[in-house]
Amino acid sequence: MASNNGPVSGERKNDTKDVPPPLPAPLAVPVADSHTHLDMLPQLPLGGAPSESVAEALAKAASVGVTTVIQVGCDLAGSRWAAETAAAHEAVWATVALHPNEAPRIVLGDPDGWSRQGAREPGGMPALDAALAEIDRLAALPQVRGVGETGLDYFRTGPEGMAAQEYSFRRHIDIAKRQGKALVIHDREAHEDVLRVLAEEGAPERVVFHCYSGDAAMAKVCAEAGYYMSFAGNVTFKNAQHLRDALAVAPLDLILVETDAPFLTPAPYRGRPNAPYLIPVTLRAMAGVKDIAEDALATAVAANTARVFGY
């Protein structure tokens, strides 16, 4: 989730920033949005009703060939919501986790109230262990198909929070392995340490680098390890040539597509609200980078997503 890191550097503002982009032409081969945040459409305090209901968002996505979405949890309340939503909608599967930036807030407190829970007092490691126990419980549910987004984020969290982040990441890896679920990784400015912790702990059978942010060299390392790489709308940004280079070398059977909605809206709609129905825009750009037919890429990513999340 790019949201927990604040605005993307260089995010453009324009007069249409609050206007949803138009529906793209439908895909001929249905695909899945491998990572989305329906509970943040739009961004409201947790518990607020989205302006667009889940059913409406799913119908809009299905109308352009996006027939499955993976709803991703980032904190306890969001993870519970993800599990409940997946239980209620056939087209939705869930993942549950404490986002890398959430773990330090639980331990150290969040006096500024930056996260959706508002201001919080420090809870220490006992509070983090209690939260992780709840994630473990949720991960056992049949509609929950992944543990994430977890990982490391050195952009938002400073040195004082790194120990809590890494402890939480290691615990999520253990949960994913014990529950037999995919591990969904958030990796921001922490490539080497993410790969190190995975190697030290022993990675689960299925690992997804959500909103892949590495370069081509790292893509080759991930491919050798069998890690999946999920590309979001930022692969279309002008300043993201390193992402296109990574996509170009990523094996076809290890590629996913995502929105990370409502963030990272693909060009030419960058800065406007993102949603699962915009997956075709990103997928078509990805097909151009891979120099393969749109239908061929859609067929591959549909199969890859189903294989990763076991549906």
Protein backbone atom coordinates (compact mmCIF):
# COMPACT_ATOMS: atom_id res chain seq x y z
CA MET A 1 0.00 0.00 0.00
CA ALA A 2 1.63 3.19 -1.17
CA SER A 3 -0.75 5.16 1.05
CA ASN A 4 1.07 4.41 4.28
CA ASN A 5 4.11 6.11 2.85
CA GLY A 6 2.44 9.40 1.98
CA PRO A 7 2.27 10.86 -1.52
CA VAL A 8 4.50 9.42 -4.22
CA SER A 9 7.45 11.71 -4.88
CA GLY A 10 6.66 14.00 -7.77
CA GLU A 11 2.89 13.32 -7.64
CA ARG A 12 1.22 15.78 -9.97
CA LYS A 13 -1.81 17.84 -9.04
CA ASN A 14 -4.43 18.94 -11.53
CA ASP A 15 -7.97 20.28 -11.69
CA THR A 16 -9.42 16.81 -12.32
CA LYS A 17 -7.64 15.07 -9.45
CA ASP A 18 -10.91 14.12 -7.72
CA VAL A 19 -12.64 12.93 -10.91
CA PRO A 20 -12.55 9.14 -11.48
CA PRO A 21 -10.97 8.19 -14.82
CA PRO A 22 -13.28 6.77 -17.51
CA LEU A 23 -13.89 3.08 -18.02
CA PRO A 24 -11.21 1.52 -20.23
CA ALA A 25 -12.04 -0.90 -23.03
CA PRO A 26 -12.79 -4.34 -21.57
CA LEU A 27 -10.20 -7.09 -21.54
CA ALA A 28 -11.03 -10.13 -23.64
CA VAL A 29 -9.39 -12.41 -21.05
CA PRO A 30 -10.54 -11.83 -17.44
CA VAL A 31 -7.87 -11.05 -14.86
CA ALA A 32 -7.52 -10.32 -11.15
CA ASP A 33 -6.43 -7.21 -9.30
CA SER A 34 -3.84 -8.85 -7.07
CA HIS A 35 -3.69 -6.02 -4.51
CA THR A 36 -6.34 -3.44 -3.70
CA HIS A 37 -7.79 -1.51 -0.77
CA LEU A 38 -11.54 -1.29 -1.26
CA ASP A 39 -11.90 0.03 2.28
CA MET A 40 -10.04 3.17 1.21
CA LEU A 41 -12.30 4.11 -1.72
CA PRO A 42 -12.29 7.00 -0.92
CA GLN A 43 -9.87 7.50 1.97
CA LEU A 44 -12.07 7.96 5.00
CA PRO A 45 -11.60 7.23 8.71
CA LEU A 46 -11.94 3.49 9.21
CA GLY A 47 -15.59 2.68 9.67
CA GLY A 48 -16.72 5.38 7.27
CA ALA A 49 -18.83 4.17 4.37
CA PRO A 50 -17.12 4.41 0.98
CA SER A 51 -18.86 6.62 -1.54
CA GLU A 52 -18.88 3.64 -3.87
CA SER A 53 -20.11 0.41 -2.32
CA VAL A 54 -18.09 -2.77 -2.60
CA ALA A 55 -20.73 -4.35 -4.83
CA GLU A 56 -20.67 -1.35 -7.17
CA ALA A 57 -16.87 -1.34 -7.31
CA LEU A 58 -16.82 -5.06 -8.10
CA ALA A 59 -19.47 -4.69 -10.81
CA LYS A 60 -17.58 -1.82 -12.40
CA ALA A 61 -14.39 -3.89 -12.41
CA ALA A 62 -16.13 -6.97 -13.81
CA SER A 63 -17.58 -4.89 -16.65
CA VAL A 64 -14.05 -4.42 -18.03
CA GLY A 65 -12.81 -7.97 -17.33
CA VAL A 66 -11.44 -7.64 -13.79
CA THR A 67 -13.42 -10.44 -12.20
CA THR A 68 -11.43 -11.10 -9.01
CA VAL A 69 -9.83 -8.78 -6.46
CA ILE A 70 -7.49 -9.44 -3.56
CA GLN A 71 -8.47 -7.16 -0.67
CA VAL A 72 -5.41 -6.43 1.44
CA GLY A 73 -5.30 -5.73 5.17
CA CYS A 74 -2.82 -3.28 6.70
CA ASP A 75 -3.88 -3.16 10.36
CA LEU A 76 -6.18 -5.09 12.68
CA ALA A 77 -9.38 -3.27 11.73
CA GLY A 78 -8.57 -3.39 8.03
CA SER A 79 -7.65 -7.07 8.19
CA ARG A 80 -10.92 -7.92 9.89
CA TRP A 81 -12.76 -5.90 7.25
CA ALA A 82 -10.89 -7.72 4.47
CA ALA A 83 -11.85 -11.13 5.88
CA GLU A 84 -15.48 -10.10 6.31
CA THR A 85 -15.67 -8.65 2.81
CA ALA A 86 -14.13 -11.75 1.24
CA ALA A 87 -16.66 -13.91 3.08
CA ALA A 88 -19.51 -11.79 1.71
CA HIS A 89 -18.43 -11.48 -1.94
CA GLU A 90 -17.54 -14.37 -4.23
CA ALA A 91 -15.20 -12.18 -6.32
CA VAL A 92 -13.08 -11.13 -3.31
CA TRP A 93 -10.28 -12.92 -1.51
CA ALA A 94 -8.45 -11.43 1.47
CA THR A 95 -5.00 -11.03 2.91
CA VAL A 96 -4.36 -9.95 6.48
CA ALA A 97 -1.38 -8.28 8.15
CA LEU A 98 0.13 -5.38 10.01
CA HIS A 99 1.72 -3.04 7.48
CA PRO A 100 5.46 -2.45 8.10
CA ASN A 101 4.67 1.08 9.23
CA GLU A 102 1.90 -0.13 11.55
CA ALA A 103 4.17 -2.28 13.73
CA PRO A 104 6.29 0.64 15.06
CA ARG A 105 3.13 2.65 15.71
CA ILE A 106 1.77 -0.15 17.90
CA VAL A 107 5.04 -0.43 19.83
CA LEU A 108 6.12 3.22 20.01
CA GLY A 109 2.77 4.97 19.75
CA ASP A 110 1.37 7.33 17.16
CA PRO A 111 1.03 10.74 18.84
CA ASP A 112 0.30 12.55 15.58
CA GLY A 113 -2.57 10.23 14.72
CA TRP A 114 -1.22 9.74 11.20
CA SER A 115 -2.77 6.30 10.79
CA ARG A 116 -6.51 5.64 10.56
CA GLN A 117 -6.79 4.76 14.26
CA GLY A 118 -5.89 8.29 15.34
CA ALA A 119 -3.48 9.15 18.14
CA ARG A 120 -2.25 6.14 20.11
CA GLU A 121 -0.14 5.61 23.21
CA PRO A 122 2.92 3.32 23.09
CA GLY A 123 1.92 -0.30 23.61
CA GLY A 124 5.35 -1.91 23.62
CA MET A 125 6.11 -5.40 22.38
CA PRO A 126 3.20 -7.02 24.29
CA ALA A 127 0.76 -4.97 22.20
CA LEU A 128 2.52 -6.00 18.99
CA ASP A 129 2.45 -9.68 20.02
CA ALA A 130 -1.27 -9.42 20.76
CA ALA A 131 -1.93 -7.84 17.36
CA LEU A 132 0.12 -10.53 15.63
CA ALA A 133 -1.88 -13.23 17.43
CA GLU A 134 -5.04 -11.75 15.95
CA ILE A 135 -3.47 -11.72 12.47
CA ASP A 136 -2.60 -15.39 12.98
CA ARG A 137 -6.21 -16.15 13.88
CA LEU A 138 -7.54 -14.30 10.82
CA ALA A 139 -5.00 -15.97 8.54
CA ALA A 140 -6.53 -19.36 9.33
CA LEU A 141 -9.88 -18.37 7.78
CA PRO A 142 -10.61 -20.08 4.45
CA GLN A 143 -11.39 -16.84 2.59
CA VAL A 144 -8.03 -15.40 3.64
CA ARG A 145 -5.49 -16.46 1.03
CA GLY A 146 -2.46 -14.42 1.98
CA VAL A 147 -0.49 -12.85 4.82
CA GLY A 148 0.41 -9.29 3.96
CA GLU A 149 1.14 -6.66 3.26
CA THR A 150 4.16 -7.10 5.48
CA GLY A 151 7.84 -6.43 5.00
CA LEU A 152 10.10 -3.44 5.56
CA ASP A 153 9.71 0.26 4.83
CA TYR A 154 12.64 2.58 5.44
CA PHE A 155 10.96 5.58 3.82
CA ARG A 156 8.30 6.30 6.46
CA THR A 157 9.79 4.59 9.52
CA GLY A 158 13.09 5.79 10.94
CA PRO A 159 15.82 3.85 12.74
CA GLU A 160 13.88 3.86 16.01
CA GLY A 161 11.18 1.69 14.45
CA MET A 162 13.28 -0.74 12.44
CA ALA A 163 13.52 -3.38 15.16
CA ALA A 164 9.75 -3.55 15.50
CA GLN A 165 9.37 -3.72 11.72
CA GLU A 166 11.80 -6.58 11.34
CA TYR A 167 10.35 -8.50 14.28
CA SER A 168 6.87 -8.12 12.80
CA PHE A 169 8.07 -9.17 9.34
CA ARG A 170 9.67 -12.33 10.73
CA ARG A 171 6.49 -13.19 12.62
CA HIS A 172 4.39 -12.71 9.47
CA ILE A 173 6.69 -15.06 7.57
CA ASP A 174 6.14 -17.68 10.26
CA ILE A 175 2.36 -17.18 10.13
CA ALA A 176 2.31 -17.55 6.35
CA LYS A 177 4.28 -20.77 6.51
CA ARG A 178 2.23 -22.32 9.33
CA GLN A 179 -1.08 -21.35 7.74
CA GLY A 180 0.00 -22.34 4.22
CA LYS A 181 -0.81 -18.91 2.80
CA ALA A 182 0.98 -16.66 0.32
CA LEU A 183 3.27 -13.96 1.76
CA VAL A 184 2.59 -10.48 0.33
CA ILE A 185 5.56 -8.16 0.76
CA HIS A 186 5.71 -4.39 0.99
CA ASP A 187 9.31 -3.35 0.24
CA ARG A 188 10.18 0.33 0.20
CA GLU A 189 13.84 1.38 0.16
CA ALA A 190 14.71 -1.88 1.95
CA HIS A 191 15.48 -4.36 -0.84
CA GLU A 192 18.61 -5.91 0.64
CA ASP A 193 17.16 -6.36 4.11
CA VAL A 194 13.88 -7.81 2.81
CA LEU A 195 15.78 -10.42 0.81
CA ARG A 196 18.08 -11.07 3.78
CA VAL A 197 15.22 -11.70 6.21
CA LEU A 198 13.47 -13.98 3.71
CA ALA A 199 16.65 -16.00 3.33
CA GLU A 200 17.27 -16.16 7.09
CA GLU A 201 13.73 -17.20 7.96
CA GLY A 202 13.16 -19.43 4.97
CA ALA A 203 10.56 -18.07 2.58
CA PRO A 204 7.07 -19.54 2.32
CA GLU A 205 6.27 -21.54 -0.79
CA ARG A 206 4.55 -18.52 -2.39
CA VAL A 207 5.93 -14.99 -2.08
CA VAL A 208 4.63 -11.86 -3.83
CA PHE A 209 6.53 -8.59 -4.03
CA HIS A 210 3.56 -6.22 -4.12
CA CYS A 211 4.01 -3.00 -6.10
CA TYR A 212 7.40 -4.27 -7.21
CA SER A 213 9.91 -1.47 -6.68
CA GLY A 214 13.28 -3.00 -7.47
CA ASP A 215 15.38 -2.86 -10.60
CA ALA A 216 16.15 -5.45 -13.26
CA ALA A 217 19.01 -6.95 -11.25
CA MET A 218 16.72 -7.53 -8.28
CA ALA A 219 14.06 -8.96 -10.58
CA LYS A 220 16.54 -11.62 -11.64
CA VAL A 221 17.24 -12.44 -7.98
CA CYS A 222 13.50 -12.72 -7.29
CA ALA A 223 13.00 -14.88 -10.35
CA GLU A 224 15.76 -17.26 -9.29
CA ALA A 225 14.07 -17.61 -5.90
CA GLY A 226 10.65 -18.13 -7.49
CA TYR A 227 9.20 -14.94 -6.03
CA TYR A 228 6.27 -13.35 -7.84
CA MET A 229 6.46 -9.69 -8.87
CA SER A 230 3.25 -7.66 -8.95
CA PHE A 231 3.35 -4.46 -11.01
CA ALA A 232 1.14 -1.46 -10.30
CA GLY A 233 0.24 1.72 -12.15
CA ASN A 234 3.59 3.33 -11.39
CA VAL A 235 5.14 1.10 -14.05
CA THR A 236 3.58 3.62 -16.47
CA PHE A 237 5.17 6.70 -14.87
CA LYS A 238 7.76 8.56 -16.93
CA ASN A 239 10.32 8.43 -14.13
CA ALA A 240 9.95 4.66 -13.62
CA GLN A 241 12.18 3.23 -16.33
CA HIS A 242 13.77 0.92 -13.74
CA LEU A 243 10.37 -0.72 -13.22
CA ARG A 244 9.90 -1.26 -16.94
CA ASP A 245 13.41 -2.72 -17.13
CA ALA A 246 12.51 -5.09 -14.29
CA LEU A 247 9.26 -6.09 -15.97
CA ALA A 248 11.11 -6.76 -19.21
CA VAL A 249 13.31 -9.41 -17.57
CA ALA A 250 10.71 -10.86 -15.18
CA PRO A 251 9.56 -14.35 -16.28
CA LEU A 252 6.01 -14.43 -17.61
CA ASP A 253 4.98 -17.07 -15.07
CA LEU A 254 6.01 -14.84 -12.14
CA ILE A 255 4.16 -11.63 -13.08
CA LEU A 256 1.01 -10.23 -11.47
CA VAL A 257 -0.86 -6.95 -12.01
CA GLU A 258 -2.40 -4.75 -9.32
CA THR A 259 -3.88 -1.34 -8.67
CA ASP A 260 -2.93 -0.71 -5.02
CA ALA A 261 -6.12 1.35 -5.31
CA PRO A 262 -6.90 4.07 -4.53
CA PHE A 263 -3.23 4.91 -5.06
CA LEU A 264 -0.75 4.74 -7.96
CA THR A 265 -3.26 5.45 -10.72
CA PRO A 266 -1.64 4.65 -14.09
CA ALA A 267 -0.82 7.26 -16.72
CA PRO A 268 -2.49 9.18 -18.27
CA TYR A 269 -4.64 9.45 -15.14
CA ARG A 270 -1.87 9.79 -12.55
CA GLY A 271 -3.03 11.75 -9.51
CA ARG A 272 -6.70 10.84 -9.95
CA PRO A 273 -8.53 8.14 -7.91
CA ASN A 274 -7.53 4.58 -8.69
CA ALA A 275 -9.85 1.55 -8.56
CA PRO A 276 -9.81 -2.08 -9.73
CA TYR A 277 -11.58 -1.18 -13.00
CA LEU A 278 -8.37 0.53 -14.18
CA ILE A 279 -6.37 -2.72 -14.26
CA PRO A 280 -6.73 -2.88 -18.11
CA VAL A 281 -4.79 0.39 -18.44
CA THR A 282 -1.81 -0.98 -16.54
CA LEU A 283 -1.98 -4.42 -18.13
CA ARG A 284 -1.92 -2.97 -21.65
CA ALA A 285 1.12 -0.89 -20.78
CA MET A 286 2.79 -3.99 -19.35
CA ALA A 287 2.06 -5.94 -22.54
CA GLY A 288 3.84 -3.22 -24.48
CA VAL A 289 6.89 -3.48 -22.26
CA LYS A 290 6.93 -7.27 -22.57
CA ASP A 291 6.25 -7.02 -26.31
CA ILE A 292 3.54 -9.65 -26.15
CA ALA A 293 -0.14 -9.68 -27.02
CA GLU A 294 -2.55 -8.28 -24.46
CA ASP A 295 -4.50 -11.54 -24.31
CA ALA A 296 -1.34 -13.56 -23.77
CA LEU A 297 -0.31 -11.42 -20.82
CA ALA A 298 -3.82 -11.48 -19.37
CA THR A 299 -3.92 -15.27 -19.64
CA ALA A 300 -0.60 -15.55 -17.82
CA VAL A 301 -1.34 -13.12 -15.00
CA ALA A 302 -4.79 -14.64 -14.43
CA ALA A 303 -3.25 -18.09 -14.02
CA ASN A 304 -0.40 -16.72 -11.87
CA THR A 305 -2.73 -14.91 -9.48
CA ALA A 306 -4.96 -17.95 -9.05
CA ARG A 307 -1.91 -20.11 -8.41
CA VAL A 308 -0.40 -17.73 -5.84
CA PHE A 309 -3.61 -17.25 -3.85
CA GLY A 310 -4.96 -20.75 -4.31
CA TYR A 311 -8.39 -20.07 -5.72
